[in-house]
Amino acid sequence: MGGDRWRKGLGPAMPIAPAARVDKFEIFFDLVFVVSFFIITRATAANVTGRELLHAMLVLAVLWWCWVVHSVVASRLRLGEGFVPALMVIGMIALFTFALALPQTFGDLQQGSAGPMLVTVSYVVIRAVHLSLYVYATRGDPAGRRKLWQFVPEVLITTCLLLVAALLPPRIADPDLGLWLRDGLWIGVVVVQYASGLLSGPHGWQVTSAEHWTERYDLILIIALGESVISVGVGGNLIGKPVTWPAIPAAIFGILFTAALWWVHFDMIGPAARIALHAAEGHPRVAMARDAYAYLYLPMIAGVILFAIGAEELVRTITDPVGGVAERAHGPAVPLLFGGVMLYLAADMAFQLRTLKTVSWTRVAALTALAVGLPVARHLPALAALGLLTAICVALVAVELAMMADARTALRRAVYEEKASHEAGEAAFRARWHDGDPDRSAE
């Protein structure tokens, strides 16, 4: 009796609809990724080396694949309805423990296997939750069920690789060999994950709601961009302390270039790509969703993480009372800042090419300016280097606003008309509640 009441109280899982939007539970779930991005950035910024950057990118790639699988489940089931949120909370707990254990995952081998084992167990729980939900979602869909079984070997292989990476390296007598073996096993995990997505092809998958799919990925990219803003505050020690004069222009530059990078994608490219995905059907839609969003958003987010680390170090140098605003940036701060922005722009250009079949010469010019400005910025004071990068990013936005005014106006008009039509439909539906005739809502 008690179990029946629980099942009745939770209700059944609900399938996604063609015009579905992201629900509030999905945004709540993404808060765990906020923690993950924060931990990856903080752990790497504390000791910026080539190997630490490799580790950060490996962890990000594995986390991102879990998020891609999560979005595939969300393309079939409403994650905020029925019993699904109860299972997803278990996935959130596992993802949170995964993130908390990340700093120990690539630590000294003498620390033992507790941290890496926690990562492995958390990974297994996350994948098990997603697999169980997808099994439920593909009831009565033989093609979808067959596609699911094709991915079981990927889950098993990657789990075994993570398990070996947790247990074997500490037992090797040569510490350097153990470290390289651990890195190699994690690289193997990433290769198996992303190769499986390409080799399986688009057959058997489906993107029921293009609106939901694009909105889901756009929101996670905005979360990543927020990490850049956090890094400016953390690097400048602006939280809870008196704001110094050098911190003010540094904060302004940090917000300006982050806003410019948001504009670069979300003003025209993102909305146009959303329309392109809506227009595509069948296998071409699935292939575009996979290539442009599941794969190309990863280097965009990686670029955000890299320039967030560089921005944090630059702002720390700018606000240092010893050196002052005339001090140059230390270590790899400038290459990380410029290189991260270049990676973001290059990935966004690839995204534009894949979805819209076009390339903007303004983006090519901006990449060239960043490549030329990088060696110059390394010899400038930290504040001037940050200002130079900001000037390039803002100039890109300004030039595109002037050069693409007509295309932008037409796109914004189409987007506005779509929103207005959708909102009018919602208003008409809700107006029936005031008429006191709820049965008419089914008409």
Protein backbone atom coordinates (compact mmCIF):
# COMPACT_ATOMS: atom_id res chain seq x y z
CA MET A 1 0.00 0.00 0.00
CA GLY A 2 2.75 2.41 0.96
CA GLY A 3 4.65 1.74 -2.25
CA ASP A 4 1.51 2.30 -4.31
CA ARG A 5 0.95 5.64 -2.61
CA TRP A 6 4.54 6.68 -3.33
CA ARG A 7 4.21 5.73 -6.99
CA LYS A 8 0.87 7.49 -7.23
CA GLY A 9 2.25 10.57 -5.49
CA LEU A 10 5.29 10.82 -7.75
CA GLY A 11 3.36 10.01 -10.88
CA PRO A 12 4.63 8.55 -14.16
CA ALA A 13 7.46 9.93 -16.22
CA MET A 14 6.26 12.18 -19.02
CA PRO A 15 7.66 12.17 -22.57
CA ILE A 16 9.08 15.32 -24.08
CA ALA A 17 6.89 17.27 -26.52
CA PRO A 18 8.04 18.82 -29.82
CA ALA A 19 7.74 22.37 -28.46
CA ALA A 20 9.01 21.63 -24.94
CA ARG A 21 11.22 24.12 -23.11
CA VAL A 22 13.75 23.66 -20.31
CA ASP A 23 12.02 23.24 -16.95
CA LYS A 24 13.14 24.56 -13.57
CA PHE A 25 14.43 21.23 -12.32
CA GLU A 26 16.93 21.05 -15.16
CA ILE A 27 18.28 24.47 -14.19
CA PHE A 28 18.48 23.27 -10.59
CA PHE A 29 20.44 20.22 -11.75
CA ASP A 30 22.93 22.46 -13.54
CA LEU A 31 23.92 24.05 -10.22
CA VAL A 32 26.13 21.02 -9.68
CA PHE A 33 27.98 21.92 -12.86
CA VAL A 34 28.51 25.41 -11.46
CA VAL A 35 30.42 23.75 -8.62
CA SER A 36 32.31 21.54 -11.08
CA PHE A 37 33.43 24.47 -13.26
CA PHE A 38 34.42 26.41 -10.14
CA ILE A 39 36.50 23.54 -8.73
CA ILE A 40 38.24 22.89 -12.05
CA THR A 41 39.14 26.58 -12.42
CA ARG A 42 40.24 27.06 -8.80
CA ALA A 43 42.30 23.86 -8.67
CA THR A 44 44.09 24.73 -11.92
CA ALA A 45 44.63 28.41 -11.08
CA ALA A 46 46.38 27.41 -7.85
CA ASN A 47 49.20 25.76 -9.82
CA VAL A 48 49.18 26.56 -13.53
CA THR A 49 51.42 24.09 -15.35
CA GLY A 50 51.09 22.23 -18.62
CA ARG A 51 50.24 19.02 -16.81
CA GLU A 52 47.64 20.68 -14.60
CA LEU A 53 46.00 22.17 -17.68
CA LEU A 54 45.91 18.70 -19.27
CA HIS A 55 44.26 17.33 -16.14
CA ALA A 56 41.70 20.14 -16.13
CA MET A 57 40.79 19.49 -19.76
CA LEU A 58 40.52 15.72 -19.19
CA VAL A 59 38.21 16.18 -16.22
CA LEU A 60 36.16 18.73 -18.15
CA ALA A 61 35.83 16.34 -21.11
CA VAL A 62 34.64 13.45 -18.92
CA LEU A 63 32.20 15.71 -17.08
CA TRP A 64 30.94 17.11 -20.36
CA TRP A 65 30.27 13.65 -21.74
CA CYS A 66 28.16 12.89 -18.66
CA TRP A 67 26.26 16.11 -19.35
CA VAL A 68 25.78 15.17 -23.02
CA VAL A 69 24.32 11.81 -21.99
CA HIS A 70 22.14 13.70 -19.52
CA SER A 71 20.86 15.93 -22.35
CA VAL A 72 20.12 12.85 -24.48
CA VAL A 73 17.92 11.48 -21.69
CA ALA A 74 16.26 14.90 -21.44
CA SER A 75 15.48 14.74 -25.16
CA ARG A 76 13.02 11.92 -24.41
CA LEU A 77 11.80 12.48 -20.83
CA ARG A 78 10.75 15.57 -18.89
CA LEU A 79 13.29 15.55 -16.08
CA GLY A 80 11.06 17.52 -13.74
CA GLU A 81 8.00 15.25 -13.95
CA GLY A 82 6.94 12.03 -12.23
CA PHE A 83 9.54 9.87 -10.54
CA VAL A 84 12.37 11.22 -12.71
CA PRO A 85 13.46 14.03 -10.32
CA ALA A 86 13.93 11.46 -7.54
CA LEU A 87 16.42 9.54 -9.67
CA MET A 88 18.05 12.73 -10.90
CA VAL A 89 18.71 13.85 -7.31
CA ILE A 90 20.72 10.64 -6.89
CA GLY A 91 22.62 11.63 -10.02
CA MET A 92 23.17 15.12 -8.59
CA ILE A 93 24.64 13.65 -5.40
CA ALA A 94 26.98 11.45 -7.42
CA LEU A 95 27.99 14.37 -9.63
CA PHE A 96 28.62 16.56 -6.59
CA THR A 97 30.88 13.95 -4.98
CA PHE A 98 32.62 13.54 -8.34
CA ALA A 99 33.36 17.28 -8.37
CA LEU A 100 34.51 17.38 -4.73
CA ALA A 101 36.99 14.55 -5.32
CA LEU A 102 38.49 16.12 -8.45
CA PRO A 103 41.43 17.87 -6.69
CA GLN A 104 42.61 14.47 -5.36
CA THR A 105 42.08 12.64 -8.63
CA PHE A 106 45.37 13.84 -10.13
CA GLY A 107 47.21 14.45 -6.86
CA ASP A 108 50.34 12.82 -5.53
CA LEU A 109 50.23 9.04 -5.88
CA GLN A 110 51.24 8.74 -2.22
CA GLN A 111 47.82 10.13 -1.27
CA GLY A 112 46.37 6.73 -2.12
CA SER A 113 43.33 5.72 -4.11
CA ALA A 114 40.48 7.08 -1.98
CA GLY A 115 39.87 10.20 -4.09
CA PRO A 116 40.18 8.46 -7.48
CA MET A 117 37.95 5.61 -6.27
CA LEU A 118 35.30 8.10 -5.18
CA VAL A 119 35.44 9.62 -8.66
CA THR A 120 35.03 6.17 -10.22
CA VAL A 121 32.11 5.17 -8.02
CA SER A 122 30.41 8.52 -8.62
CA TYR A 123 30.89 8.09 -12.37
CA VAL A 124 29.28 4.64 -12.24
CA VAL A 125 26.26 5.99 -10.34
CA ILE A 126 25.82 8.88 -12.78
CA ARG A 127 25.93 6.60 -15.81
CA ALA A 128 23.64 4.03 -14.13
CA VAL A 129 21.00 6.70 -13.47
CA HIS A 130 21.11 7.86 -17.08
CA LEU A 131 21.03 4.31 -18.46
CA SER A 132 18.04 3.32 -16.31
CA LEU A 133 16.09 6.40 -17.38
CA TYR A 134 16.89 5.81 -21.03
CA VAL A 135 15.79 2.18 -20.73
CA TYR A 136 12.47 3.43 -19.42
CA ALA A 137 12.20 6.12 -22.10
CA THR A 138 12.73 3.67 -24.97
CA ARG A 139 9.91 1.31 -24.03
CA GLY A 140 8.16 0.43 -27.28
CA ASP A 141 10.99 1.92 -29.37
CA PRO A 142 13.13 -0.95 -30.71
CA ALA A 143 15.48 1.36 -32.63
CA GLY A 144 16.13 3.50 -29.57
CA ARG A 145 16.65 0.43 -27.39
CA ARG A 146 19.15 -1.04 -29.86
CA LYS A 147 21.06 2.25 -29.86
CA LEU A 148 21.16 2.15 -26.07
CA TRP A 149 22.77 -1.30 -26.03
CA GLN A 150 25.43 -0.05 -28.42
CA PHE A 151 26.58 2.35 -25.70
CA VAL A 152 26.78 -0.21 -22.90
CA PRO A 153 30.33 -1.25 -23.97
CA GLU A 154 31.41 2.41 -23.76
CA VAL A 155 30.15 2.64 -20.19
CA LEU A 156 31.86 -0.61 -19.20
CA ILE A 157 35.17 0.22 -20.88
CA THR A 158 35.40 3.75 -19.47
CA THR A 159 34.48 2.52 -15.99
CA CYS A 160 37.22 -0.12 -16.15
CA LEU A 161 39.75 2.47 -17.33
CA LEU A 162 38.87 4.80 -14.45
CA LEU A 163 39.08 1.89 -12.00
CA VAL A 164 42.52 0.91 -13.26
CA ALA A 165 43.62 4.57 -13.16
CA ALA A 166 42.56 4.71 -9.51
CA LEU A 167 44.17 1.46 -8.33
CA LEU A 168 47.20 0.65 -10.48
CA PRO A 169 49.41 3.83 -10.63
CA PRO A 170 50.00 4.02 -6.81
CA ARG A 171 51.34 0.45 -6.93
CA ILE A 172 53.99 1.18 -9.55
CA ALA A 173 57.49 1.62 -8.13
CA ASP A 174 58.45 4.43 -10.51
CA PRO A 175 56.28 7.48 -9.59
CA ASP A 176 56.81 9.18 -12.96
CA LEU A 177 55.69 6.08 -14.82
CA GLY A 178 52.67 5.84 -12.54
CA LEU A 179 51.69 9.44 -13.25
CA TRP A 180 52.01 9.00 -17.00
CA LEU A 181 50.02 5.76 -16.86
CA ARG A 182 47.22 7.51 -14.97
CA ASP A 183 47.15 10.36 -17.49
CA GLY A 184 47.16 7.89 -20.37
CA LEU A 185 44.22 5.96 -18.93
CA TRP A 186 42.19 9.17 -18.55
CA ILE A 187 43.01 10.10 -22.14
CA GLY A 188 41.75 6.65 -23.11
CA VAL A 189 38.47 7.34 -21.30
CA VAL A 190 37.94 10.54 -23.29
CA VAL A 191 38.86 8.89 -26.60
CA VAL A 192 36.45 5.98 -26.02
CA GLN A 193 33.62 8.31 -25.00
CA TYR A 194 33.75 10.70 -27.93
CA ALA A 195 34.68 8.08 -30.51
CA SER A 196 31.64 6.04 -29.52
CA GLY A 197 29.41 9.02 -30.20
CA LEU A 198 30.83 9.44 -33.69
CA LEU A 199 30.97 5.77 -34.62
CA SER A 200 27.40 5.03 -33.55
CA GLY A 201 25.99 7.52 -36.07
CA PRO A 202 22.69 9.42 -35.87
CA HIS A 203 20.43 6.42 -36.54
CA GLY A 204 18.24 5.51 -33.58
CA TRP A 205 18.62 8.80 -31.74
CA GLN A 206 16.04 11.55 -31.78
CA VAL A 207 15.81 15.24 -30.90
CA THR A 208 12.11 15.67 -30.25
CA SER A 209 12.29 19.33 -29.30
CA ALA A 210 14.95 21.44 -31.01
CA GLU A 211 13.91 24.30 -28.74
CA HIS A 212 14.65 22.28 -25.61
CA TRP A 213 17.97 20.98 -26.97
CA THR A 214 19.35 24.38 -27.95
CA GLU A 215 18.11 26.12 -24.82
CA ARG A 216 19.68 23.41 -22.65
CA TYR A 217 23.12 23.90 -24.18
CA ASP A 218 22.85 27.67 -24.24
CA LEU A 219 22.13 27.77 -20.52
CA ILE A 220 25.15 25.62 -19.65
CA LEU A 221 27.36 27.88 -21.78
CA ILE A 222 26.06 30.92 -19.91
CA ILE A 223 26.89 29.15 -16.64
CA ALA A 224 30.43 28.64 -17.91
CA LEU A 225 30.72 32.30 -18.91
CA GLY A 226 29.72 33.19 -15.38
CA GLU A 227 32.93 31.50 -14.25
CA SER A 228 34.88 34.25 -15.97
CA VAL A 229 33.05 36.89 -13.93
CA ILE A 230 33.71 34.92 -10.74
CA SER A 231 37.41 34.68 -11.63
CA VAL A 232 37.70 38.47 -11.90
CA GLY A 233 36.25 38.84 -8.42
CA VAL A 234 38.37 36.06 -6.94
CA GLY A 235 41.57 37.23 -8.65
CA GLY A 236 41.11 40.79 -7.49
CA ASN A 237 40.22 39.78 -3.93
CA LEU A 238 37.17 42.00 -4.41
CA ILE A 239 34.88 39.99 -2.17
CA GLY A 240 34.72 41.31 1.39
CA LYS A 241 37.65 43.68 0.99
CA PRO A 242 37.98 47.38 0.16
CA VAL A 243 38.08 47.90 -3.60
CA THR A 244 41.35 49.44 -4.77
CA TRP A 245 41.59 51.85 -7.70
CA PRO A 246 43.42 49.36 -9.98
CA ALA A 247 40.66 46.83 -9.33
CA ILE A 248 38.00 49.11 -10.83
CA PRO A 249 39.27 49.20 -14.46
CA ALA A 250 40.22 45.51 -14.15
CA ALA A 251 36.65 44.67 -13.14
CA ILE A 252 35.26 46.82 -15.95
CA PHE A 253 37.48 45.12 -18.52
CA GLY A 254 36.55 41.69 -17.15
CA ILE A 255 32.84 42.34 -17.51
CA LEU A 256 33.23 44.00 -20.91
CA PHE A 257 35.15 41.22 -22.64
CA THR A 258 32.93 38.52 -21.10
CA ALA A 259 29.83 40.41 -22.27
CA ALA A 260 31.39 40.76 -25.73
CA LEU A 261 32.00 37.01 -25.91
CA TRP A 262 28.41 36.39 -24.83
CA TRP A 263 27.25 38.75 -27.60
CA VAL A 264 29.45 37.05 -30.19
CA HIS A 265 27.47 33.83 -29.82
CA PHE A 266 24.07 34.71 -28.44
CA ASP A 267 23.18 37.81 -30.44
CA MET A 268 23.06 36.21 -33.91
CA ILE A 269 24.85 32.86 -34.22
CA GLY A 270 22.95 31.12 -31.42
CA PRO A 271 19.44 32.19 -32.52
CA ALA A 272 20.17 31.46 -36.19
CA ALA A 273 21.53 28.01 -35.30
CA ARG A 274 18.41 27.31 -33.24
CA ILE A 275 16.25 28.06 -36.29
CA ALA A 276 18.48 25.84 -38.43
CA LEU A 277 18.05 22.94 -36.00
CA HIS A 278 14.28 23.49 -36.00
CA ALA A 279 14.31 23.37 -39.81
CA ALA A 280 16.30 20.12 -39.93
CA GLU A 281 14.48 16.82 -39.59
CA GLY A 282 15.34 13.20 -39.01
CA HIS A 283 18.97 12.11 -39.16
CA PRO A 284 20.30 15.53 -40.29
CA ARG A 285 18.78 17.09 -37.17
CA VAL A 286 20.37 14.49 -34.90
CA ALA A 287 23.76 14.85 -36.62
CA MET A 288 23.65 18.64 -36.31
CA ALA A 289 22.62 18.42 -32.65
CA ARG A 290 25.50 16.05 -31.97
CA ASP A 291 28.22 17.85 -33.93
CA ALA A 292 27.36 21.47 -33.17
CA TYR A 293 26.12 21.22 -29.60
CA ALA A 294 27.37 18.01 -27.97
CA TYR A 295 30.86 18.25 -29.51
CA LEU A 296 31.62 21.87 -30.43
CA TYR A 297 30.29 23.36 -27.20
CA LEU A 298 33.05 21.46 -25.37
CA PRO A 299 35.96 23.50 -26.84
CA MET A 300 33.90 26.66 -26.31
CA ILE A 301 33.54 25.85 -22.61
CA ALA A 302 37.18 24.78 -22.45
CA GLY A 303 38.12 28.18 -23.86
CA VAL A 304 36.01 29.86 -21.17
CA ILE A 305 37.78 27.88 -18.43
CA LEU A 306 41.19 28.79 -19.85
CA PHE A 307 40.56 32.51 -20.18
CA ALA A 308 38.91 32.53 -16.73
CA ILE A 309 42.14 31.16 -15.26
CA GLY A 310 44.19 33.74 -17.16
CA ALA A 311 41.86 36.57 -16.14
CA GLU A 312 42.10 35.59 -12.48
CA GLU A 313 45.89 35.67 -12.54
CA LEU A 314 45.97 38.98 -14.43
CA VAL A 315 43.59 40.67 -12.02
CA ARG A 316 45.57 39.31 -9.09
CA THR A 317 48.68 40.95 -10.54
CA ILE A 318 46.86 44.22 -11.18
CA THR A 319 45.54 44.47 -7.63
CA ASP A 320 48.78 43.38 -5.97
CA PRO A 321 49.84 46.35 -3.77
CA VAL A 322 53.52 45.48 -4.20
CA GLY A 323 53.81 45.62 -7.98
CA GLY A 324 50.93 47.93 -8.86
CA VAL A 325 49.40 48.59 -12.25
CA ALA A 326 52.79 48.82 -13.98
CA GLU A 327 53.67 45.21 -13.22
CA ARG A 328 53.62 42.68 -16.04
CA ALA A 329 51.64 39.48 -15.80
CA HIS A 330 53.45 36.45 -14.44
CA GLY A 331 53.74 33.00 -15.97
CA PRO A 332 51.17 31.81 -18.49
CA ALA A 333 48.42 34.29 -17.53
CA VAL A 334 48.46 36.23 -20.82
CA PRO A 335 48.73 33.12 -23.06
CA LEU A 336 45.86 31.51 -21.16
CA LEU A 337 43.72 34.63 -21.47
CA PHE A 338 44.35 35.21 -25.17
CA GLY A 339 44.51 31.50 -26.01
CA GLY A 340 41.23 30.79 -24.22
CA VAL A 341 39.44 33.56 -26.11
CA MET A 342 40.93 32.33 -29.39
CA LEU A 343 39.75 28.78 -28.67
CA TYR A 344 36.27 30.08 -27.83
CA LEU A 345 36.06 32.10 -31.05
CA ALA A 346 37.49 29.30 -33.20
CA ALA A 347 35.00 26.79 -31.78
CA ASP A 348 32.18 29.28 -32.32
CA MET A 349 33.29 29.69 -35.94
CA ALA A 350 33.19 25.91 -36.36
CA PHE A 351 29.73 25.91 -34.76
CA GLN A 352 28.61 28.59 -37.24
CA LEU A 353 30.04 26.62 -40.16
CA ARG A 354 28.34 23.39 -39.06
CA THR A 355 24.90 24.90 -38.43
CA LEU A 356 24.70 27.82 -40.87
CA LYS A 357 27.26 26.82 -43.55
CA THR A 358 28.86 30.29 -43.30
CA VAL A 359 32.07 31.86 -41.99
CA SER A 360 32.29 35.51 -40.89
CA TRP A 361 35.41 37.36 -42.00
CA THR A 362 35.08 39.51 -38.88
CA ARG A 363 35.76 36.44 -36.72
CA VAL A 364 38.81 35.57 -38.83
CA ALA A 365 40.07 39.14 -38.39
CA ALA A 366 39.50 38.98 -34.63
CA LEU A 367 41.42 35.71 -34.36
CA THR A 368 44.27 37.24 -36.35
CA ALA A 369 44.27 40.32 -34.10
CA LEU A 370 44.39 38.12 -31.00
CA ALA A 371 47.26 36.05 -32.41
CA VAL A 372 49.21 39.23 -33.23
CA GLY A 373 48.30 40.85 -29.91
CA LEU A 374 49.40 37.89 -27.77
CA PRO A 375 53.19 38.45 -28.03
CA VAL A 376 52.63 42.19 -27.64
CA ALA A 377 50.51 41.73 -24.53
CA ARG A 378 53.20 39.62 -22.85
CA HIS A 379 55.42 42.72 -22.72
CA LEU A 380 52.69 45.06 -21.49
CA PRO A 381 51.61 45.76 -17.92
CA ALA A 382 48.90 43.37 -16.79
CA LEU A 383 46.16 46.01 -16.91
CA ALA A 384 47.18 47.06 -20.44
CA ALA A 385 47.19 43.41 -21.58
CA LEU A 386 43.66 42.95 -20.23
CA GLY A 387 42.64 46.21 -21.87
CA LEU A 388 44.07 45.13 -25.23
CA LEU A 389 42.10 41.88 -25.19
CA THR A 390 38.95 43.74 -24.18
CA ALA A 391 39.44 46.26 -26.99
CA ILE A 392 39.71 43.45 -29.59
CA CYS A 393 36.58 41.69 -28.31
CA VAL A 394 34.52 44.88 -28.10
CA ALA A 395 35.75 45.97 -31.56
CA LEU A 396 34.56 42.65 -32.99
CA VAL A 397 31.07 43.27 -31.62
CA ALA A 398 31.02 46.88 -32.83
CA VAL A 399 32.16 45.99 -36.36
CA GLU A 400 29.61 43.19 -36.67
CA LEU A 401 26.84 45.47 -35.44
CA ALA A 402 27.70 47.96 -38.21
CA MET A 403 28.46 45.48 -41.01
CA MET A 404 25.59 43.03 -40.36
CA ALA A 405 22.89 45.50 -39.35
CA ASP A 406 20.38 44.39 -42.00
CA ALA A 407 20.85 40.67 -41.36
CA ARG A 408 20.65 41.24 -37.60
CA THR A 409 17.45 43.26 -37.94
CA ALA A 410 15.80 40.54 -40.03
CA LEU A 411 16.88 37.82 -37.61
CA ARG A 412 15.74 39.72 -34.54
CA ARG A 413 12.39 40.42 -36.21
CA ALA A 414 11.88 36.72 -36.93
CA VAL A 415 12.85 35.78 -33.38
CA TYR A 416 10.54 38.44 -31.95
CA GLU A 417 7.61 37.32 -34.11
CA GLU A 418 8.14 33.74 -32.98
CA LYS A 419 8.22 34.78 -29.32
CA ALA A 420 5.16 36.99 -29.72
CA SER A 421 3.22 34.18 -31.38
CA HIS A 422 4.22 31.72 -28.67
CA GLU A 423 3.31 34.17 -25.90
CA ALA A 424 -0.04 34.93 -27.55
CA GLY A 425 -0.85 31.22 -27.59
CA GLU A 426 0.02 30.91 -23.91
CA ALA A 427 -2.08 33.98 -23.07
CA ALA A 428 -5.06 32.56 -24.97
CA PHE A 429 -4.73 29.24 -23.17
CA ARG A 430 -4.64 30.89 -19.75
CA ALA A 431 -7.53 33.19 -20.62
CA ARG A 432 -9.76 30.08 -20.61
CA TRP A 433 -9.12 29.71 -16.88
CA HIS A 434 -10.84 33.05 -16.35
CA ASP A 435 -13.77 31.89 -18.50
CA GLY A 436 -14.44 29.08 -16.02
CA ASP A 437 -14.40 26.42 -18.70
CA PRO A 438 -11.22 24.34 -18.22
CA ASP A 439 -12.47 21.67 -20.64
CA ARG A 440 -12.00 24.12 -23.49
CA SER A 441 -8.23 23.92 -22.94
CA ALA A 442 -8.28 20.61 -24.80
CA GLU A 443 -9.80 22.17 -27.91
